[in-house]
Amino acid sequence: MMDLTIIIVGLLIMFLSAVVQGTTGFGFALTSMPLLTILLSMHTVVPIMVVFGLCSNILILIKVWSHVKFKKTWLFIASSVIGVPLGTYILLIIDQNTLKIITGFLIVLFALALWRGYSLKIKNEKLALIPVGFSSGLLNGSISLSGPPVVLFLTNQGENKTAFRANLTSFSLILNIITIATFFVGGLINKEVMTYVFWFFPALFVGTFLGIKIASKVEQALFRKITLGLIIISGVSAVFTSL
């Protein structure tokens, strides 16, 4: 029998995290994982995050599908897949905490620069997508932090909030599918994980749709500040958890 306290608190955590995800197109794991790991083990939480990441991305894509730029998404994905093995290799030869500290500081610096209005307009955007996607894959393979390079790039390019969410969500969706397949092979998605997924799903569903509604009401300038704020939090979190 499952602990009722875990179910109730977990539902609240999932709801709040889903609202963030539905509003910005990212931030689900960033919001929920630190809180959920207080209740459950990492081996249970991580697969839950991946499954729910896939579910929330599908719900968001239903709303913003027509705004997906497939050529942009394809380049992100292809170059990120190349970066993942190298990131894994770096993880094997360099201390993970050191990687997190360096990455966290860089993320915060770039995000603060964009927050203060500094941007570097890139004319050949198509060419720039390759190193951005590669960096995302590199970080995903080394410290499981794939989002910041793509978020910072789209913000730098002044992408409107709907296109931002559409392209980021489609990119994340493919990464979720690849990760879930890997987890299935490794036996990480088991009966316990799927039981929690069953109990928590209503909160994910309602929270994501509420976030989508909020996103339609949020002005572009505020949306930019929210996304950069979340990225700054992720960078600071990476540094402090490593220290």
C-alpha atoms as a PDB file:
ATOM      1  CA  MET A   1       0.000   0.000   0.000  1.00  0.00           C
ATOM      2  CA  MET A   2       1.333   3.414  -0.993  1.00  0.00           C
ATOM      3  CA  ASP A   3       1.930   6.160   1.565  1.00  0.00           C
ATOM      4  CA  LEU A   4      -0.971   8.640   1.385  1.00  0.00           C
ATOM      5  CA  THR A   5       1.294  11.529   2.423  1.00  0.00           C
ATOM      6  CA  ILE A   6       3.615  10.851  -0.512  1.00  0.00           C
ATOM      7  CA  ILE A   7       0.650  10.777  -2.884  1.00  0.00           C
ATOM      8  CA  ILE A   8      -0.823  14.076  -1.628  1.00  0.00           C
ATOM      9  CA  VAL A   9       2.487  15.978  -1.490  1.00  0.00           C
ATOM     10  CA  GLY A  10       3.548  14.434  -4.809  1.00  0.00           C
ATOM     11  CA  LEU A  11       0.330  15.612  -6.460  1.00  0.00           C
ATOM     12  CA  LEU A  12       0.990  19.191  -5.283  1.00  0.00           C
ATOM     13  CA  ILE A  13       4.599  19.087  -6.519  1.00  0.00           C
ATOM     14  CA  MET A  14       3.546  17.683  -9.894  1.00  0.00           C
ATOM     15  CA  PHE A  15       0.788  20.262 -10.292  1.00  0.00           C
ATOM     16  CA  LEU A  16       3.097  23.245  -9.643  1.00  0.00           C
ATOM     17  CA  SER A  17       5.836  21.809 -11.862  1.00  0.00           C
ATOM     18  CA  ALA A  18       3.360  21.125 -14.667  1.00  0.00           C
ATOM     19  CA  VAL A  19       2.121  24.741 -14.490  1.00  0.00           C
ATOM     20  CA  VAL A  20       5.734  25.921 -14.967  1.00  0.00           C
ATOM     21  CA  GLN A  21       6.243  23.481 -17.862  1.00  0.00           C
ATOM     22  CA  GLY A  22       2.987  24.443 -19.549  1.00  0.00           C
ATOM     23  CA  THR A  23       3.786  28.144 -19.252  1.00  0.00           C
ATOM     24  CA  THR A  24       7.399  28.152 -20.454  1.00  0.00           C
ATOM     25  CA  GLY A  25       7.894  24.829 -22.279  1.00  0.00           C
ATOM     26  CA  PHE A  26      10.561  23.664 -19.814  1.00  0.00           C
ATOM     27  CA  GLY A  27      11.364  23.582 -16.103  1.00  0.00           C
ATOM     28  CA  PHE A  28       9.347  20.526 -15.063  1.00  0.00           C
ATOM     29  CA  ALA A  29      12.280  18.510 -13.703  1.00  0.00           C
ATOM     30  CA  LEU A  30      14.011  21.665 -12.440  1.00  0.00           C
ATOM     31  CA  THR A  31      10.983  22.453 -10.265  1.00  0.00           C
ATOM     32  CA  SER A  32       9.902  18.986  -9.169  1.00  0.00           C
ATOM     33  CA  MET A  33      13.048  16.886  -8.831  1.00  0.00           C
ATOM     34  CA  PRO A  34      14.614  18.638  -5.779  1.00  0.00           C
ATOM     35  CA  LEU A  35      11.304  18.349  -3.905  1.00  0.00           C
ATOM     36  CA  LEU A  36      10.334  14.855  -5.041  1.00  0.00           C
ATOM     37  CA  THR A  37      13.711  13.371  -4.087  1.00  0.00           C
ATOM     38  CA  ILE A  38      12.868  14.233  -0.464  1.00  0.00           C
ATOM     39  CA  LEU A  39      10.010  11.729  -0.708  1.00  0.00           C
ATOM     40  CA  LEU A  40      11.383   9.102  -3.098  1.00  0.00           C
ATOM     41  CA  SER A  41      14.725   7.679  -4.220  1.00  0.00           C
ATOM     42  CA  MET A  42      16.540   9.070  -7.277  1.00  0.00           C
ATOM     43  CA  HIS A  43      16.144   5.703  -9.038  1.00  0.00           C
ATOM     44  CA  THR A  44      12.373   6.200  -8.822  1.00  0.00           C
ATOM     45  CA  VAL A  45      12.209   9.970  -9.369  1.00  0.00           C
ATOM     46  CA  VAL A  46      14.339  10.216 -12.534  1.00  0.00           C
ATOM     47  CA  PRO A  47      12.229   7.753 -14.590  1.00  0.00           C
ATOM     48  CA  ILE A  48       9.051   9.472 -13.366  1.00  0.00           C
ATOM     49  CA  MET A  49      10.458  12.821 -14.545  1.00  0.00           C
ATOM     50  CA  VAL A  50      11.256  11.424 -17.988  1.00  0.00           C
ATOM     51  CA  VAL A  51       7.823   9.827 -18.437  1.00  0.00           C
ATOM     52  CA  PHE A  52       6.037  12.974 -17.285  1.00  0.00           C
ATOM     53  CA  GLY A  53       8.357  15.119 -19.399  1.00  0.00           C
ATOM     54  CA  LEU A  54       7.172  13.159 -22.434  1.00  0.00           C
ATOM     55  CA  CYS A  55       3.502  13.468 -21.427  1.00  0.00           C
ATOM     56  CA  SER A  56       3.646  17.218 -20.758  1.00  0.00           C
ATOM     57  CA  ASN A  57       5.542  17.875 -23.990  1.00  0.00           C
ATOM     58  CA  ILE A  58       2.864  16.022 -25.964  1.00  0.00           C
ATOM     59  CA  LEU A  59       0.112  18.084 -24.294  1.00  0.00           C
ATOM     60  CA  ILE A  60       1.944  21.342 -25.079  1.00  0.00           C
ATOM     61  CA  LEU A  61       2.701  20.322 -28.684  1.00  0.00           C
ATOM     62  CA  ILE A  62      -0.993  19.692 -29.360  1.00  0.00           C
ATOM     63  CA  LYS A  63      -1.492  23.419 -28.738  1.00  0.00           C
ATOM     64  CA  VAL A  64       1.599  24.830 -30.526  1.00  0.00           C
ATOM     65  CA  TRP A  65       2.213  22.207 -33.235  1.00  0.00           C
ATOM     66  CA  SER A  66       1.694  24.620 -36.132  1.00  0.00           C
ATOM     67  CA  HIS A  67       4.548  26.823 -34.837  1.00  0.00           C
ATOM     68  CA  VAL A  68       7.213  24.087 -34.858  1.00  0.00           C
ATOM     69  CA  LYS A  69      10.071  24.834 -37.260  1.00  0.00           C
ATOM     70  CA  PHE A  70      11.050  21.297 -38.232  1.00  0.00           C
ATOM     71  CA  LYS A  71      14.338  22.237 -39.925  1.00  0.00           C
ATOM     72  CA  LYS A  72      15.478  24.014 -36.772  1.00  0.00           C
ATOM     73  CA  THR A  73      14.368  21.156 -34.499  1.00  0.00           C
ATOM     74  CA  TRP A  74      16.029  18.535 -36.700  1.00  0.00           C
ATOM     75  CA  LEU A  75      19.398  20.306 -36.529  1.00  0.00           C
ATOM     76  CA  PHE A  76      19.099  20.654 -32.743  1.00  0.00           C
ATOM     77  CA  ILE A  77      18.388  16.940 -32.355  1.00  0.00           C
ATOM     78  CA  ALA A  78      20.998  15.646 -34.811  1.00  0.00           C
ATOM     79  CA  SER A  79      23.807  17.701 -33.308  1.00  0.00           C
ATOM     80  CA  SER A  80      22.744  16.919 -29.718  1.00  0.00           C
ATOM     81  CA  VAL A  81      22.857  13.168 -30.418  1.00  0.00           C
ATOM     82  CA  ILE A  82      26.470  13.606 -31.541  1.00  0.00           C
ATOM     83  CA  GLY A  83      27.293  15.513 -28.356  1.00  0.00           C
ATOM     84  CA  VAL A  84      25.872  12.956 -25.905  1.00  0.00           C
ATOM     85  CA  PRO A  85      28.641  10.301 -26.257  1.00  0.00           C
ATOM     86  CA  LEU A  86      31.357  12.938 -25.861  1.00  0.00           C
ATOM     87  CA  GLY A  87      29.575  14.282 -22.784  1.00  0.00           C
ATOM     88  CA  THR A  88      29.504  10.788 -21.305  1.00  0.00           C
ATOM     89  CA  TYR A  89      33.225  10.406 -22.013  1.00  0.00           C
ATOM     90  CA  ILE A  90      33.959  13.752 -20.331  1.00  0.00           C
ATOM     91  CA  LEU A  91      31.967  12.568 -17.322  1.00  0.00           C
ATOM     92  CA  LEU A  92      34.256   9.532 -17.077  1.00  0.00           C
ATOM     93  CA  ILE A  93      37.479  11.559 -17.074  1.00  0.00           C
ATOM     94  CA  ILE A  94      36.449  14.754 -15.223  1.00  0.00           C
ATOM     95  CA  ASP A  95      34.836  15.059 -11.797  1.00  0.00           C
ATOM     96  CA  GLN A  96      31.065  15.604 -12.149  1.00  0.00           C
ATOM     97  CA  ASN A  97      30.933  18.270  -9.434  1.00  0.00           C
ATOM     98  CA  THR A  98      33.636  20.279 -11.210  1.00  0.00           C
ATOM     99  CA  LEU A  99      31.641  20.088 -14.447  1.00  0.00           C
ATOM    100  CA  LYS A 100      28.476  21.246 -12.708  1.00  0.00           C
ATOM    101  CA  ILE A 101      30.190  24.210 -11.060  1.00  0.00           C
ATOM    102  CA  ILE A 102      31.799  25.425 -14.309  1.00  0.00           C
ATOM    103  CA  THR A 103      28.594  24.898 -16.300  1.00  0.00           C
ATOM    104  CA  GLY A 104      26.446  26.536 -13.616  1.00  0.00           C
ATOM    105  CA  PHE A 105      28.606  29.672 -13.529  1.00  0.00           C
ATOM    106  CA  LEU A 106      28.572  29.981 -17.347  1.00  0.00           C
ATOM    107  CA  ILE A 107      24.802  29.518 -17.510  1.00  0.00           C
ATOM    108  CA  VAL A 108      24.210  32.189 -14.868  1.00  0.00           C
ATOM    109  CA  LEU A 109      26.575  34.651 -16.592  1.00  0.00           C
ATOM    110  CA  PHE A 110      24.912  34.227 -20.010  1.00  0.00           C
ATOM    111  CA  ALA A 111      21.405  34.412 -18.511  1.00  0.00           C
ATOM    112  CA  LEU A 112      22.221  37.567 -16.523  1.00  0.00           C
ATOM    113  CA  ALA A 113      23.658  39.198 -19.646  1.00  0.00           C
ATOM    114  CA  LEU A 114      20.433  38.468 -21.559  1.00  0.00           C
ATOM    115  CA  TRP A 115      18.374  39.641 -18.570  1.00  0.00           C
ATOM    116  CA  ARG A 116      20.148  43.019 -18.698  1.00  0.00           C
ATOM    117  CA  GLY A 117      19.350  43.335 -22.395  1.00  0.00           C
ATOM    118  CA  TYR A 118      22.630  42.238 -23.966  1.00  0.00           C
ATOM    119  CA  SER A 119      22.249  40.022 -27.011  1.00  0.00           C
ATOM    120  CA  LEU A 120      24.374  38.944 -29.951  1.00  0.00           C
ATOM    121  CA  LYS A 121      22.214  38.636 -33.034  1.00  0.00           C
ATOM    122  CA  ILE A 122      23.368  35.688 -35.119  1.00  0.00           C
ATOM    123  CA  LYS A 123      22.672  36.143 -38.823  1.00  0.00           C
ATOM    124  CA  ASN A 124      23.468  32.584 -39.921  1.00  0.00           C
ATOM    125  CA  GLU A 125      21.065  30.964 -37.479  1.00  0.00           C
ATOM    126  CA  LYS A 126      21.003  27.631 -39.294  1.00  0.00           C
ATOM    127  CA  LEU A 127      24.749  27.190 -38.851  1.00  0.00           C
ATOM    128  CA  ALA A 128      24.560  28.263 -35.194  1.00  0.00           C
ATOM    129  CA  LEU A 129      21.990  25.559 -34.413  1.00  0.00           C
ATOM    130  CA  ILE A 130      24.676  22.884 -34.724  1.00  0.00           C
ATOM    131  CA  PRO A 131      26.997  24.010 -31.882  1.00  0.00           C
ATOM    132  CA  VAL A 132      23.971  24.881 -29.723  1.00  0.00           C
ATOM    133  CA  GLY A 133      22.480  21.409 -30.164  1.00  0.00           C
ATOM    134  CA  PHE A 134      25.891  19.827 -29.703  1.00  0.00           C
ATOM    135  CA  SER A 135      26.392  21.740 -26.428  1.00  0.00           C
ATOM    136  CA  SER A 136      22.983  20.575 -25.252  1.00  0.00           C
ATOM    137  CA  GLY A 137      23.848  16.941 -25.982  1.00  0.00           C
ATOM    138  CA  LEU A 138      27.237  17.378 -24.346  1.00  0.00           C
ATOM    139  CA  LEU A 139      25.657  18.647 -21.126  1.00  0.00           C
ATOM    140  CA  ASN A 140      22.937  15.998 -21.253  1.00  0.00           C
ATOM    141  CA  GLY A 141      25.540  13.228 -21.512  1.00  0.00           C
ATOM    142  CA  SER A 142      27.725  14.645 -18.762  1.00  0.00           C
ATOM    143  CA  ILE A 143      25.477  16.262 -16.136  1.00  0.00           C
ATOM    144  CA  SER A 144      21.897  15.711 -17.452  1.00  0.00           C
ATOM    145  CA  LEU A 145      21.347  19.445 -18.059  1.00  0.00           C
ATOM    146  CA  SER A 146      20.361  19.690 -21.720  1.00  0.00           C
ATOM    147  CA  GLY A 147      17.947  22.656 -21.647  1.00  0.00           C
ATOM    148  CA  PRO A 148      20.003  25.816 -20.965  1.00  0.00           C
ATOM    149  CA  PRO A 149      21.947  26.064 -24.275  1.00  0.00           C
ATOM    150  CA  VAL A 150      18.755  25.838 -26.352  1.00  0.00           C
ATOM    151  CA  VAL A 151      16.770  28.153 -24.059  1.00  0.00           C
ATOM    152  CA  LEU A 152      19.538  30.776 -24.015  1.00  0.00           C
ATOM    153  CA  PHE A 153      19.941  30.602 -27.802  1.00  0.00           C
ATOM    154  CA  LEU A 154      16.213  30.994 -28.522  1.00  0.00           C
ATOM    155  CA  THR A 155      16.014  33.862 -26.021  1.00  0.00           C
ATOM    156  CA  ASN A 156      19.057  35.553 -27.578  1.00  0.00           C
ATOM    157  CA  GLN A 157      17.414  35.322 -31.009  1.00  0.00           C
ATOM    158  CA  GLY A 158      14.283  37.034 -29.710  1.00  0.00           C
ATOM    159  CA  GLU A 159      12.050  34.072 -30.533  1.00  0.00           C
ATOM    160  CA  ASN A 160       8.405  34.881 -29.783  1.00  0.00           C
ATOM    161  CA  LYS A 161       6.953  32.912 -26.872  1.00  0.00           C
ATOM    162  CA  THR A 162       4.793  30.554 -28.970  1.00  0.00           C
ATOM    163  CA  ALA A 163       7.579  29.593 -31.377  1.00  0.00           C
ATOM    164  CA  PHE A 164       9.956  29.357 -28.407  1.00  0.00           C
ATOM    165  CA  ARG A 165       7.732  26.822 -26.641  1.00  0.00           C
ATOM    166  CA  ALA A 166       6.993  24.915 -29.857  1.00  0.00           C
ATOM    167  CA  ASN A 167      10.620  24.396 -30.882  1.00  0.00           C
ATOM    168  CA  LEU A 168      11.917  23.748 -27.359  1.00  0.00           C
ATOM    169  CA  THR A 169       9.102  21.271 -26.673  1.00  0.00           C
ATOM    170  CA  SER A 170       9.592  19.324 -29.919  1.00  0.00           C
ATOM    171  CA  PHE A 171      13.325  19.093 -29.198  1.00  0.00           C
ATOM    172  CA  SER A 172      12.691  17.917 -25.641  1.00  0.00           C
ATOM    173  CA  LEU A 173      10.083  15.406 -26.820  1.00  0.00           C
ATOM    174  CA  ILE A 174      12.579  13.550 -28.999  1.00  0.00           C
ATOM    175  CA  LEU A 175      15.151  13.490 -26.185  1.00  0.00           C
ATOM    176  CA  ASN A 176      12.449  12.115 -23.852  1.00  0.00           C
ATOM    177  CA  ILE A 177      11.632   9.301 -26.280  1.00  0.00           C
ATOM    178  CA  ILE A 178      15.301   8.334 -26.636  1.00  0.00           C
ATOM    179  CA  THR A 179      15.801   8.432 -22.857  1.00  0.00           C
ATOM    180  CA  ILE A 180      12.679   6.370 -22.126  1.00  0.00           C
ATOM    181  CA  ALA A 181      13.815   3.705 -24.581  1.00  0.00           C
ATOM    182  CA  THR A 182      17.185   3.589 -22.800  1.00  0.00           C
ATOM    183  CA  PHE A 183      15.479   3.361 -19.386  1.00  0.00           C
ATOM    184  CA  PHE A 184      13.266   0.496 -20.549  1.00  0.00           C
ATOM    185  CA  VAL A 185      16.297  -1.448 -21.700  1.00  0.00           C
ATOM    186  CA  GLY A 186      18.019  -0.742 -18.385  1.00  0.00           C
ATOM    187  CA  GLY A 187      14.975  -1.815 -16.364  1.00  0.00           C
ATOM    188  CA  LEU A 188      14.555   1.607 -14.725  1.00  0.00           C
ATOM    189  CA  ILE A 189      10.896   1.960 -15.736  1.00  0.00           C
ATOM    190  CA  ASN A 190       9.320  -0.645 -13.461  1.00  0.00           C
ATOM    191  CA  LYS A 191       6.037  -1.335 -11.630  1.00  0.00           C
ATOM    192  CA  GLU A 192       6.805   1.135  -8.821  1.00  0.00           C
ATOM    193  CA  VAL A 193       7.549   3.955 -11.262  1.00  0.00           C
ATOM    194  CA  MET A 194       4.406   3.323 -13.315  1.00  0.00           C
ATOM    195  CA  THR A 195       2.275   3.170 -10.140  1.00  0.00           C
ATOM    196  CA  TYR A 196       3.430   6.670  -9.145  1.00  0.00           C
ATOM    197  CA  VAL A 197       2.885   7.825 -12.738  1.00  0.00           C
ATOM    198  CA  PHE A 198      -0.711   6.589 -12.489  1.00  0.00           C
ATOM    199  CA  TRP A 199      -1.386   8.445  -9.214  1.00  0.00           C
ATOM    200  CA  PHE A 200       0.384  11.674 -10.194  1.00  0.00           C
ATOM    201  CA  PHE A 201      -0.906  11.956 -13.775  1.00  0.00           C
ATOM    202  CA  PRO A 202      -4.109  13.946 -12.989  1.00  0.00           C
ATOM    203  CA  ALA A 203      -1.983  16.714 -11.421  1.00  0.00           C
ATOM    204  CA  LEU A 204       0.290  16.746 -14.482  1.00  0.00           C
ATOM    205  CA  PHE A 205      -2.681  16.933 -16.852  1.00  0.00           C
ATOM    206  CA  VAL A 206      -4.487  19.771 -15.051  1.00  0.00           C
ATOM    207  CA  GLY A 207      -1.275  21.707 -14.284  1.00  0.00           C
ATOM    208  CA  THR A 208      -0.017  21.564 -17.871  1.00  0.00           C
ATOM    209  CA  PHE A 209      -3.287  22.869 -19.297  1.00  0.00           C
ATOM    210  CA  LEU A 210      -3.387  25.640 -16.702  1.00  0.00           C
ATOM    211  CA  GLY A 211       0.182  26.574 -17.681  1.00  0.00           C
ATOM    212  CA  ILE A 212      -0.811  26.652 -21.363  1.00  0.00           C
ATOM    213  CA  LYS A 213      -3.675  29.017 -20.486  1.00  0.00           C
ATOM    214  CA  ILE A 214      -1.320  31.235 -18.475  1.00  0.00           C
ATOM    215  CA  ALA A 215       1.181  31.322 -21.355  1.00  0.00           C
ATOM    216  CA  SER A 216      -1.464  32.736 -23.690  1.00  0.00           C
ATOM    217  CA  LYS A 217      -2.022  35.632 -21.275  1.00  0.00           C
ATOM    218  CA  VAL A 218       1.621  36.420 -20.440  1.00  0.00           C
ATOM    219  CA  GLU A 219       3.255  39.289 -22.336  1.00  0.00           C
ATOM    220  CA  GLN A 220       6.446  38.602 -24.291  1.00  0.00           C
ATOM    221  CA  ALA A 221       8.661  40.692 -21.982  1.00  0.00           C
ATOM    222  CA  LEU A 222       7.411  38.910 -18.860  1.00  0.00           C
ATOM    223  CA  PHE A 223       7.743  35.528 -20.572  1.00  0.00           C
ATOM    224  CA  ARG A 224      11.391  36.321 -21.333  1.00  0.00           C
ATOM    225  CA  LYS A 225      12.049  37.222 -17.685  1.00  0.00           C
ATOM    226  CA  ILE A 226      10.358  34.037 -16.438  1.00  0.00           C
ATOM    227  CA  THR A 227      12.418  31.785 -18.717  1.00  0.00           C
ATOM    228  CA  LEU A 228      15.690  33.540 -17.888  1.00  0.00           C
ATOM    229  CA  GLY A 229      14.809  33.407 -14.189  1.00  0.00           C
ATOM    230  CA  LEU A 230      14.345  29.643 -14.382  1.00  0.00           C
ATOM    231  CA  ILE A 231      17.655  29.242 -16.206  1.00  0.00           C
ATOM    232  CA  ILE A 232      19.445  31.336 -13.555  1.00  0.00           C
ATOM    233  CA  ILE A 233      17.893  29.124 -10.863  1.00  0.00           C
ATOM    234  CA  SER A 234      19.089  25.991 -12.694  1.00  0.00           C
ATOM    235  CA  GLY A 235      22.640  27.388 -12.917  1.00  0.00           C
ATOM    236  CA  VAL A 236      22.747  28.416  -9.256  1.00  0.00           C
ATOM    237  CA  SER A 237      21.265  25.057  -8.268  1.00  0.00           C
ATOM    238  CA  ALA A 238      23.950  23.207 -10.235  1.00  0.00           C
ATOM    239  CA  VAL A 239      26.693  25.131  -8.445  1.00  0.00           C
ATOM    240  CA  PHE A 240      25.301  24.788  -4.916  1.00  0.00           C
ATOM    241  CA  THR A 241      24.442  21.080  -5.196  1.00  0.00           C
ATOM    242  CA  SER A 242      28.025  20.476  -6.330  1.00  0.00           C
ATOM    243  CA  LEU A 243      29.533  22.474  -3.464  1.00  0.00           C
END
